[in-house]
Amino acid sequence: MTGAFDAATLAMLAESDDIAIVVPRATGRAPAVPIWVVVDGAAVYVRSVRGEQGRWYRALRAHPDAAFRLAGRRLPACGTR
């Protein structure tokens, strides 16, 4: 995933050990799943440990309106792909 985040948010994403992704499902449920991210310049990358077989990854492909949960904030995971 890549997206446009301000410098402060990029720094928080790069330094935080407690980040989750929230992906809506067809059922309406949107569980928060702990993830690790890599910040490279202005790009934020997330990979599923199970690749395309991961539940949150499949849900994201079907419903790309995901968000990161970080430090009590909900940040749109803009530019998801």
PDB file of N, CA and C in Angstrom:
ATOM      1  N   MET A   1       0.836  -1.168   0.000  1.00  0.00           N
ATOM      2  CA  MET A   1       0.000   0.000   0.000  1.00  0.00           C
ATOM      3  C   MET A   1       0.875   1.223   0.000  1.00  0.00           C
ATOM      4  N   THR A   2       0.466   2.184  -0.709  1.00  0.00           N
ATOM      5  CA  THR A   2       1.172   3.449  -0.663  1.00  0.00           C
ATOM      6  C   THR A   2       0.139   4.529  -0.469  1.00  0.00           C
ATOM      7  N   GLY A   3       0.540   5.635   0.098  1.00  0.00           N
ATOM      8  CA  GLY A   3      -0.420   6.706   0.315  1.00  0.00           C
ATOM      9  C   GLY A   3       0.270   8.012   0.606  1.00  0.00           C
ATOM     10  N   ALA A   4      -0.508   9.063   0.706  1.00  0.00           N
ATOM     11  CA  ALA A   4       0.018  10.391   0.977  1.00  0.00           C
ATOM     12  C   ALA A   4      -0.253  10.752   2.427  1.00  0.00           C
ATOM     13  N   PHE A   5       0.797  10.779   3.233  1.00  0.00           N
ATOM     14  CA  PHE A   5       0.683  11.138   4.636  1.00  0.00           C
ATOM     15  C   PHE A   5       1.612  12.311   4.912  1.00  0.00           C
ATOM     16  N   ASP A   6       1.236  13.128   5.905  1.00  0.00           N
ATOM     17  CA  ASP A   6       2.117  14.241   6.271  1.00  0.00           C
ATOM     18  C   ASP A   6       3.333  13.687   7.017  1.00  0.00           C
ATOM     19  N   ALA A   7       4.357  14.525   7.199  1.00  0.00           N
ATOM     20  CA  ALA A   7       5.623  14.096   7.796  1.00  0.00           C
ATOM     21  C   ALA A   7       5.438  13.565   9.217  1.00  0.00           C
ATOM     22  N   ALA A   8       4.584  14.186  10.006  1.00  0.00           N
ATOM     23  CA  ALA A   8       4.370  13.737  11.386  1.00  0.00           C
ATOM     24  C   ALA A   8       3.733  12.349  11.412  1.00  0.00           C
ATOM     25  N   THR A   9       2.773  12.102  10.543  1.00  0.00           N
ATOM     26  CA  THR A   9       2.120  10.794  10.487  1.00  0.00           C
ATOM     27  C   THR A   9       3.095   9.735   9.988  1.00  0.00           C
ATOM     28  N   LEU A  10       3.903  10.073   8.996  1.00  0.00           N
ATOM     29  CA  LEU A  10       4.913   9.130   8.515  1.00  0.00           C
ATOM     30  C   LEU A  10       5.876   8.746   9.634  1.00  0.00           C
ATOM     31  N   ALA A  11       6.275   9.728  10.435  1.00  0.00           N
ATOM     32  CA  ALA A  11       7.179   9.448  11.549  1.00  0.00           C
ATOM     33  C   ALA A  11       6.501   8.539  12.571  1.00  0.00           C
ATOM     34  N   MET A  12       5.225   8.789  12.866  1.00  0.00           N
ATOM     35  CA  MET A  12       4.493   7.935  13.810  1.00  0.00           C
ATOM     36  C   MET A  12       4.393   6.508  13.278  1.00  0.00           C
ATOM     37  N   LEU A  13       4.090   6.359  11.993  1.00  0.00           N
ATOM     38  CA  LEU A  13       3.990   5.033  11.387  1.00  0.00           C
ATOM     39  C   LEU A  13       5.337   4.312  11.433  1.00  0.00           C
ATOM     40  N   ALA A  14       6.417   5.045  11.186  1.00  0.00           N
ATOM     41  CA  ALA A  14       7.747   4.443  11.171  1.00  0.00           C
ATOM     42  C   ALA A  14       8.208   4.018  12.557  1.00  0.00           C
ATOM     43  N   GLU A  15       7.792   4.745  13.590  1.00  0.00           N
ATOM     44  CA  GLU A  15       8.307   4.510  14.933  1.00  0.00           C
ATOM     45  C   GLU A  15       7.402   3.649  15.812  1.00  0.00           C
ATOM     46  N   SER A  16       6.150   3.481  15.443  1.00  0.00           N
ATOM     47  CA  SER A  16       5.200   2.787  16.306  1.00  0.00           C
ATOM     48  C   SER A  16       5.306   1.269  16.191  1.00  0.00           C
ATOM     49  N   ASP A  17       5.156   0.612  17.340  1.00  0.00           N
ATOM     50  CA  ASP A  17       5.094  -0.846  17.378  1.00  0.00           C
ATOM     51  C   ASP A  17       3.658  -1.341  17.482  1.00  0.00           C
ATOM     52  N   ASP A  18       2.702  -0.427  17.587  1.00  0.00           N
ATOM     53  CA  ASP A  18       1.298  -0.802  17.793  1.00  0.00           C
ATOM     54  C   ASP A  18       0.429  -0.175  16.710  1.00  0.00           C
ATOM     55  N   ILE A  19       0.415  -0.819  15.547  1.00  0.00           N
ATOM     56  CA  ILE A  19      -0.375  -0.356  14.408  1.00  0.00           C
ATOM     57  C   ILE A  19      -1.309  -1.485  14.008  1.00  0.00           C
ATOM     58  N   ALA A  20      -2.517  -1.132  13.655  1.00  0.00           N
ATOM     59  CA  ALA A  20      -3.480  -2.127  13.171  1.00  0.00           C
ATOM     60  C   ALA A  20      -4.085  -1.622  11.879  1.00  0.00           C
ATOM     61  N   ILE A  21      -4.577  -2.553  11.082  1.00  0.00           N
ATOM     62  CA  ILE A  21      -5.312  -2.183   9.881  1.00  0.00           C
ATOM     63  C   ILE A  21      -6.763  -2.598  10.109  1.00  0.00           C
ATOM     64  N   VAL A  22      -7.666  -1.729   9.715  1.00  0.00           N
ATOM     65  CA  VAL A  22      -9.103  -1.973   9.844  1.00  0.00           C
ATOM     66  C   VAL A  22      -9.657  -2.033   8.430  1.00  0.00           C
ATOM     67  N   VAL A  23     -10.164  -3.206   8.057  1.00  0.00           N
ATOM     68  CA  VAL A  23     -10.668  -3.411   6.696  1.00  0.00           C
ATOM     69  C   VAL A  23     -12.126  -3.832   6.773  1.00  0.00           C
ATOM     70  N   PRO A  24     -13.030  -3.069   6.170  1.00  0.00           N
ATOM     71  CA  PRO A  24     -14.438  -3.476   6.181  1.00  0.00           C
ATOM     72  C   PRO A  24     -14.630  -4.774   5.401  1.00  0.00           C
ATOM     73  N   ARG A  25     -15.571  -5.570   5.862  1.00  0.00           N
ATOM     74  CA  ARG A  25     -15.925  -6.813   5.170  1.00  0.00           C
ATOM     75  C   ARG A  25     -17.341  -6.694   4.646  1.00  0.00           C
ATOM     76  N   ALA A  26     -17.697  -7.595   3.782  1.00  0.00           N
ATOM     77  CA  ALA A  26     -19.051  -7.604   3.224  1.00  0.00           C
ATOM     78  C   ALA A  26     -20.096  -7.742   4.323  1.00  0.00           C
ATOM     79  N   THR A  27     -19.726  -8.391   5.437  1.00  0.00           N
ATOM     80  CA  THR A  27     -20.661  -8.595   6.541  1.00  0.00           C
ATOM     81  C   THR A  27     -20.861  -7.317   7.357  1.00  0.00           C
ATOM     82  N   GLY A  28     -20.037  -6.302   7.078  1.00  0.00           N
ATOM     83  CA  GLY A  28     -20.132  -5.059   7.837  1.00  0.00           C
ATOM     84  C   GLY A  28     -19.146  -4.996   8.988  1.00  0.00           C
ATOM     85  N   ARG A  29     -18.597  -6.144   9.379  1.00  0.00           N
ATOM     86  CA  ARG A  29     -17.608  -6.162  10.449  1.00  0.00           C
ATOM     87  C   ARG A  29     -16.301  -5.567   9.941  1.00  0.00           C
ATOM     88  N   ALA A  30     -15.589  -4.912  10.810  1.00  0.00           N
ATOM     89  CA  ALA A  30     -14.301  -4.333  10.449  1.00  0.00           C
ATOM     90  C   ALA A  30     -13.322  -4.541  11.600  1.00  0.00           C
ATOM     91  N   PRO A  31     -12.834  -5.773  11.772  1.00  0.00           N
ATOM     92  CA  PRO A  31     -11.916  -6.024  12.880  1.00  0.00           C
ATOM     93  C   PRO A  31     -10.566  -5.347  12.644  1.00  0.00           C
ATOM     94  N   ALA A  32      -9.915  -4.948  13.722  1.00  0.00           N
ATOM     95  CA  ALA A  32      -8.578  -4.367  13.646  1.00  0.00           C
ATOM     96  C   ALA A  32      -7.565  -5.500  13.764  1.00  0.00           C
ATOM     97  N   VAL A  33      -6.656  -5.575  12.804  1.00  0.00           N
ATOM     98  CA  VAL A  33      -5.647  -6.628  12.765  1.00  0.00           C
ATOM     99  C   VAL A  33      -4.275  -5.986  12.950  1.00  0.00           C
ATOM    100  N   PRO A  34      -3.504  -6.425  13.953  1.00  0.00           N
ATOM    101  CA  PRO A  34      -2.159  -5.872  14.136  1.00  0.00           C
ATOM    102  C   PRO A  34      -1.295  -6.127  12.905  1.00  0.00           C
ATOM    103  N   ILE A  35      -0.524  -5.118  12.500  1.00  0.00           N
ATOM    104  CA  ILE A  35       0.342  -5.235  11.325  1.00  0.00           C
ATOM    105  C   ILE A  35       1.671  -4.541  11.593  1.00  0.00           C
ATOM    106  N   TRP A  36       2.621  -4.781  10.722  1.00  0.00           N
ATOM    107  CA  TRP A  36       3.879  -4.053  10.694  1.00  0.00           C
ATOM    108  C   TRP A  36       3.906  -3.279   9.389  1.00  0.00           C
ATOM    109  N   VAL A  37       4.464  -2.084   9.439  1.00  0.00           N
ATOM    110  CA  VAL A  37       4.577  -1.272   8.234  1.00  0.00           C
ATOM    111  C   VAL A  37       6.038  -0.898   8.030  1.00  0.00           C
ATOM    112  N   VAL A  38       6.357  -0.564   6.787  1.00  0.00           N
ATOM    113  CA  VAL A  38       7.667  -0.036   6.436  1.00  0.00           C
ATOM    114  C   VAL A  38       7.427   1.302   5.775  1.00  0.00           C
ATOM    115  N   VAL A  39       8.113   2.317   6.272  1.00  0.00           N
ATOM    116  CA  VAL A  39       8.034   3.652   5.679  1.00  0.00           C
ATOM    117  C   VAL A  39       9.334   3.886   4.929  1.00  0.00           C
ATOM    118  N   ASP A  40       9.214   4.229   3.651  1.00  0.00           N
ATOM    119  CA  ASP A  40      10.369   4.516   2.806  1.00  0.00           C
ATOM    120  C   ASP A  40      10.122   5.866   2.158  1.00  0.00           C
ATOM    121  N   GLY A  41      10.724   6.906   2.720  1.00  0.00           N
ATOM    122  CA  GLY A  41      10.462   8.251   2.227  1.00  0.00           C
ATOM    123  C   GLY A  41       9.022   8.615   2.533  1.00  0.00           C
ATOM    124  N   ALA A  42       8.248   8.906   1.493  1.00  0.00           N
ATOM    125  CA  ALA A  42       6.837   9.263   1.674  1.00  0.00           C
ATOM    126  C   ALA A  42       5.912   8.077   1.430  1.00  0.00           C
ATOM    127  N   ALA A  43       6.479   6.896   1.153  1.00  0.00           N
ATOM    128  CA  ALA A  43       5.665   5.707   0.862  1.00  0.00           C
ATOM    129  C   ALA A  43       5.547   4.824   2.093  1.00  0.00           C
ATOM    130  N   VAL A  44       4.352   4.262   2.276  1.00  0.00           N
ATOM    131  CA  VAL A  44       4.079   3.332   3.371  1.00  0.00           C
ATOM    132  C   VAL A  44       3.724   1.989   2.741  1.00  0.00           C
ATOM    133  N   TYR A  45       4.443   0.950   3.161  1.00  0.00           N
ATOM    134  CA  TYR A  45       4.226  -0.381   2.609  1.00  0.00           C
ATOM    135  C   TYR A  45       3.763  -1.335   3.693  1.00  0.00           C
ATOM    136  N   VAL A  46       2.798  -2.175   3.340  1.00  0.00           N
ATOM    137  CA  VAL A  46       2.267  -3.202   4.235  1.00  0.00           C
ATOM    138  C   VAL A  46       2.165  -4.487   3.432  1.00  0.00           C
ATOM    139  N   ARG A  47       2.617  -5.579   4.034  1.00  0.00           N
ATOM    140  CA  ARG A  47       2.478  -6.879   3.375  1.00  0.00           C
ATOM    141  C   ARG A  47       1.830  -7.852   4.339  1.00  0.00           C
ATOM    142  N   SER A  48       1.058  -8.737   3.800  1.00  0.00           N
ATOM    143  CA  SER A  48       0.425  -9.784   4.595  1.00  0.00           C
ATOM    144  C   SER A  48       1.400 -10.947   4.746  1.00  0.00           C
ATOM    145  N   VAL A  49       1.567 -11.449   5.967  1.00  0.00           N
ATOM    146  CA  VAL A  49       2.455 -12.587   6.207  1.00  0.00           C
ATOM    147  C   VAL A  49       1.982 -13.818   5.434  1.00  0.00           C
ATOM    148  N   ARG A  50       0.695 -13.903   5.178  1.00  0.00           N
ATOM    149  CA  ARG A  50       0.145 -15.033   4.418  1.00  0.00           C
ATOM    150  C   ARG A  50      -0.048 -14.687   2.938  1.00  0.00           C
ATOM    151  N   GLY A  51       0.473 -13.550   2.522  1.00  0.00           N
ATOM    152  CA  GLY A  51       0.346 -13.146   1.124  1.00  0.00           C
ATOM    153  C   GLY A  51      -1.116 -12.973   0.738  1.00  0.00           C
ATOM    154  N   GLU A  52      -1.448 -13.395  -0.457  1.00  0.00           N
ATOM    155  CA  GLU A  52      -2.808 -13.254  -0.961  1.00  0.00           C
ATOM    156  C   GLU A  52      -3.816 -14.125  -0.228  1.00  0.00           C
ATOM    157  N   GLN A  53      -3.350 -15.056   0.589  1.00  0.00           N
ATOM    158  CA  GLN A  53      -4.252 -15.934   1.335  1.00  0.00           C
ATOM    159  C   GLN A  53      -4.685 -15.318   2.667  1.00  0.00           C
ATOM    160  N   GLY A  54      -4.061 -14.231   3.087  1.00  0.00           N
ATOM    161  CA  GLY A  54      -4.408 -13.591   4.352  1.00  0.00           C
ATOM    162  C   GLY A  54      -5.819 -13.011   4.316  1.00  0.00           C
ATOM    163  N   ARG A  55      -6.557 -13.191   5.417  1.00  0.00           N
ATOM    164  CA  ARG A  55      -7.955 -12.748   5.470  1.00  0.00           C
ATOM    165  C   ARG A  55      -8.084 -11.237   5.273  1.00  0.00           C
ATOM    166  N   TRP A  56      -7.273 -10.461   6.002  1.00  0.00           N
ATOM    167  CA  TRP A  56      -7.401  -9.006   5.870  1.00  0.00           C
ATOM    168  C   TRP A  56      -6.972  -8.562   4.481  1.00  0.00           C
ATOM    169  N   TYR A  57      -6.005  -9.241   3.884  1.00  0.00           N
ATOM    170  CA  TYR A  57      -5.562  -8.894   2.541  1.00  0.00           C
ATOM    171  C   TYR A  57      -6.681  -9.132   1.522  1.00  0.00           C
ATOM    172  N   ARG A  58      -7.351 -10.280   1.637  1.00  0.00           N
ATOM    173  CA  ARG A  58      -8.474 -10.564   0.723  1.00  0.00           C
ATOM    174  C   ARG A  58      -9.607  -9.570   0.923  1.00  0.00           C
ATOM    175  N   ALA A  59      -9.890  -9.222   2.189  1.00  0.00           N
ATOM    176  CA  ALA A  59     -10.947  -8.244   2.468  1.00  0.00           C
ATOM    177  C   ALA A  59     -10.576  -6.882   1.887  1.00  0.00           C
ATOM    178  N   LEU A  60      -9.308  -6.526   1.985  1.00  0.00           N
ATOM    179  CA  LEU A  60      -8.846  -5.245   1.438  1.00  0.00           C
ATOM    180  C   LEU A  60      -9.004  -5.198  -0.072  1.00  0.00           C
ATOM    181  N   ARG A  61      -8.694  -6.277  -0.749  1.00  0.00           N
ATOM    182  CA  ARG A  61      -8.846  -6.318  -2.217  1.00  0.00           C
ATOM    183  C   ARG A  61     -10.314  -6.159  -2.617  1.00  0.00           C
ATOM    184  N   ALA A  62     -11.229  -6.706  -1.812  1.00  0.00           N
ATOM    185  CA  ALA A  62     -12.659  -6.624  -2.120  1.00  0.00           C
ATOM    186  C   ALA A  62     -13.264  -5.279  -1.718  1.00  0.00           C
ATOM    187  N   HIS A  63     -12.760  -4.695  -0.632  1.00  0.00           N
ATOM    188  CA  HIS A  63     -13.304  -3.441  -0.087  1.00  0.00           C
ATOM    189  C   HIS A  63     -12.134  -2.535   0.301  1.00  0.00           C
ATOM    190  N   PRO A  64     -11.610  -1.737  -0.626  1.00  0.00           N
ATOM    191  CA  PRO A  64     -10.371  -0.995  -0.376  1.00  0.00           C
ATOM    192  C   PRO A  64     -10.482   0.210   0.567  1.00  0.00           C
ATOM    193  N   ASP A  65     -11.562   0.345   1.304  1.00  0.00           N
ATOM    194  CA  ASP A  65     -11.711   1.469   2.234  1.00  0.00           C
ATOM    195  C   ASP A  65     -11.102   1.128   3.590  1.00  0.00           C
ATOM    196  N   ALA A  66      -9.821   0.868   3.604  1.00  0.00           N
ATOM    197  CA  ALA A  66      -9.140   0.476   4.838  1.00  0.00           C
ATOM    198  C   ALA A  66      -8.648   1.708   5.590  1.00  0.00           C
ATOM    199  N   ALA A  67      -8.313   1.477   6.858  1.00  0.00           N
ATOM    200  CA  ALA A  67      -7.743   2.541   7.687  1.00  0.00           C
ATOM    201  C   ALA A  67      -6.698   1.924   8.606  1.00  0.00           C
ATOM    202  N   PHE A  68      -5.716   2.740   8.985  1.00  0.00           N
ATOM    203  CA  PHE A  68      -4.760   2.340  10.004  1.00  0.00           C
ATOM    204  C   PHE A  68      -5.283   2.831  11.343  1.00  0.00           C
ATOM    205  N   ARG A  69      -5.076   2.041  12.379  1.00  0.00           N
ATOM    206  CA  ARG A  69      -5.363   2.483  13.738  1.00  0.00           C
ATOM    207  C   ARG A  69      -4.011   2.661  14.416  1.00  0.00           C
ATOM    208  N   LEU A  70      -3.759   3.897  14.841  1.00  0.00           N
ATOM    209  CA  LEU A  70      -2.450   4.246  15.368  1.00  0.00           C
ATOM    210  C   LEU A  70      -2.601   5.299  16.449  1.00  0.00           C
ATOM    211  N   ALA A  71      -2.116   5.002  17.643  1.00  0.00           N
ATOM    212  CA  ALA A  71      -2.128   5.960  18.762  1.00  0.00           C
ATOM    213  C   ALA A  71      -3.513   6.563  18.981  1.00  0.00           C
ATOM    214  N   GLY A  72      -4.542   5.712  18.951  1.00  0.00           N
ATOM    215  CA  GLY A  72      -5.902   6.176  19.188  1.00  0.00           C
ATOM    216  C   GLY A  72      -6.522   6.923  18.024  1.00  0.00           C
ATOM    217  N   ARG A  73      -5.824   6.997  16.918  1.00  0.00           N
ATOM    218  CA  ARG A  73      -6.345   7.682  15.722  1.00  0.00           C
ATOM    219  C   ARG A  73      -6.681   6.658  14.650  1.00  0.00           C
ATOM    220  N   ARG A  74      -7.587   7.046  13.796  1.00  0.00           N
ATOM    221  CA  ARG A  74      -7.941   6.219  12.631  1.00  0.00           C
ATOM    222  C   ARG A  74      -7.531   7.014  11.402  1.00  0.00           C
ATOM    223  N   LEU A  75      -6.591   6.471  10.632  1.00  0.00           N
ATOM    224  CA  LEU A  75      -6.045   7.153   9.463  1.00  0.00           C
ATOM    225  C   LEU A  75      -6.428   6.391   8.201  1.00  0.00           C
ATOM    226  N   PRO A  76      -7.064   7.049   7.244  1.00  0.00           N
ATOM    227  CA  PRO A  76      -7.370   6.360   5.995  1.00  0.00           C
ATOM    228  C   PRO A  76      -6.090   5.838   5.354  1.00  0.00           C
ATOM    229  N   ALA A  77      -6.109   4.602   4.929  1.00  0.00           N
ATOM    230  CA  ALA A  77      -4.970   4.006   4.232  1.00  0.00           C
ATOM    231  C   ALA A  77      -5.091   4.372   2.754  1.00  0.00           C
ATOM    232  N   CYS A  78      -4.936   5.640   2.479  1.00  0.00           N
ATOM    233  CA  CYS A  78      -5.155   6.154   1.112  1.00  0.00           C
ATOM    234  C   CYS A  78      -4.196   5.526   0.118  1.00  0.00           C
ATOM    235  N   GLY A  79      -4.670   5.425  -1.092  1.00  0.00           N
ATOM    236  CA  GLY A  79      -3.845   4.897  -2.157  1.00  0.00           C
ATOM    237  C   GLY A  79      -3.618   3.399  -2.062  1.00  0.00           C
ATOM    238  N   THR A  80      -4.501   2.672  -1.393  1.00  0.00           N
ATOM    239  CA  THR A  80      -4.308   1.237  -1.246  1.00  0.00           C
ATOM    240  C   THR A  80      -4.351   0.571  -2.600  1.00  0.00           C
ATOM    241  N   ARG A  81      -3.528  -0.450  -2.738  1.00  0.00           N
ATOM    242  CA  ARG A  81      -3.523  -1.241  -3.968  1.00  0.00           C
ATOM    243  C   ARG A  81      -2.914  -2.574  -3.702  1.00  0.00           C
TER     244      ARG A  81
END
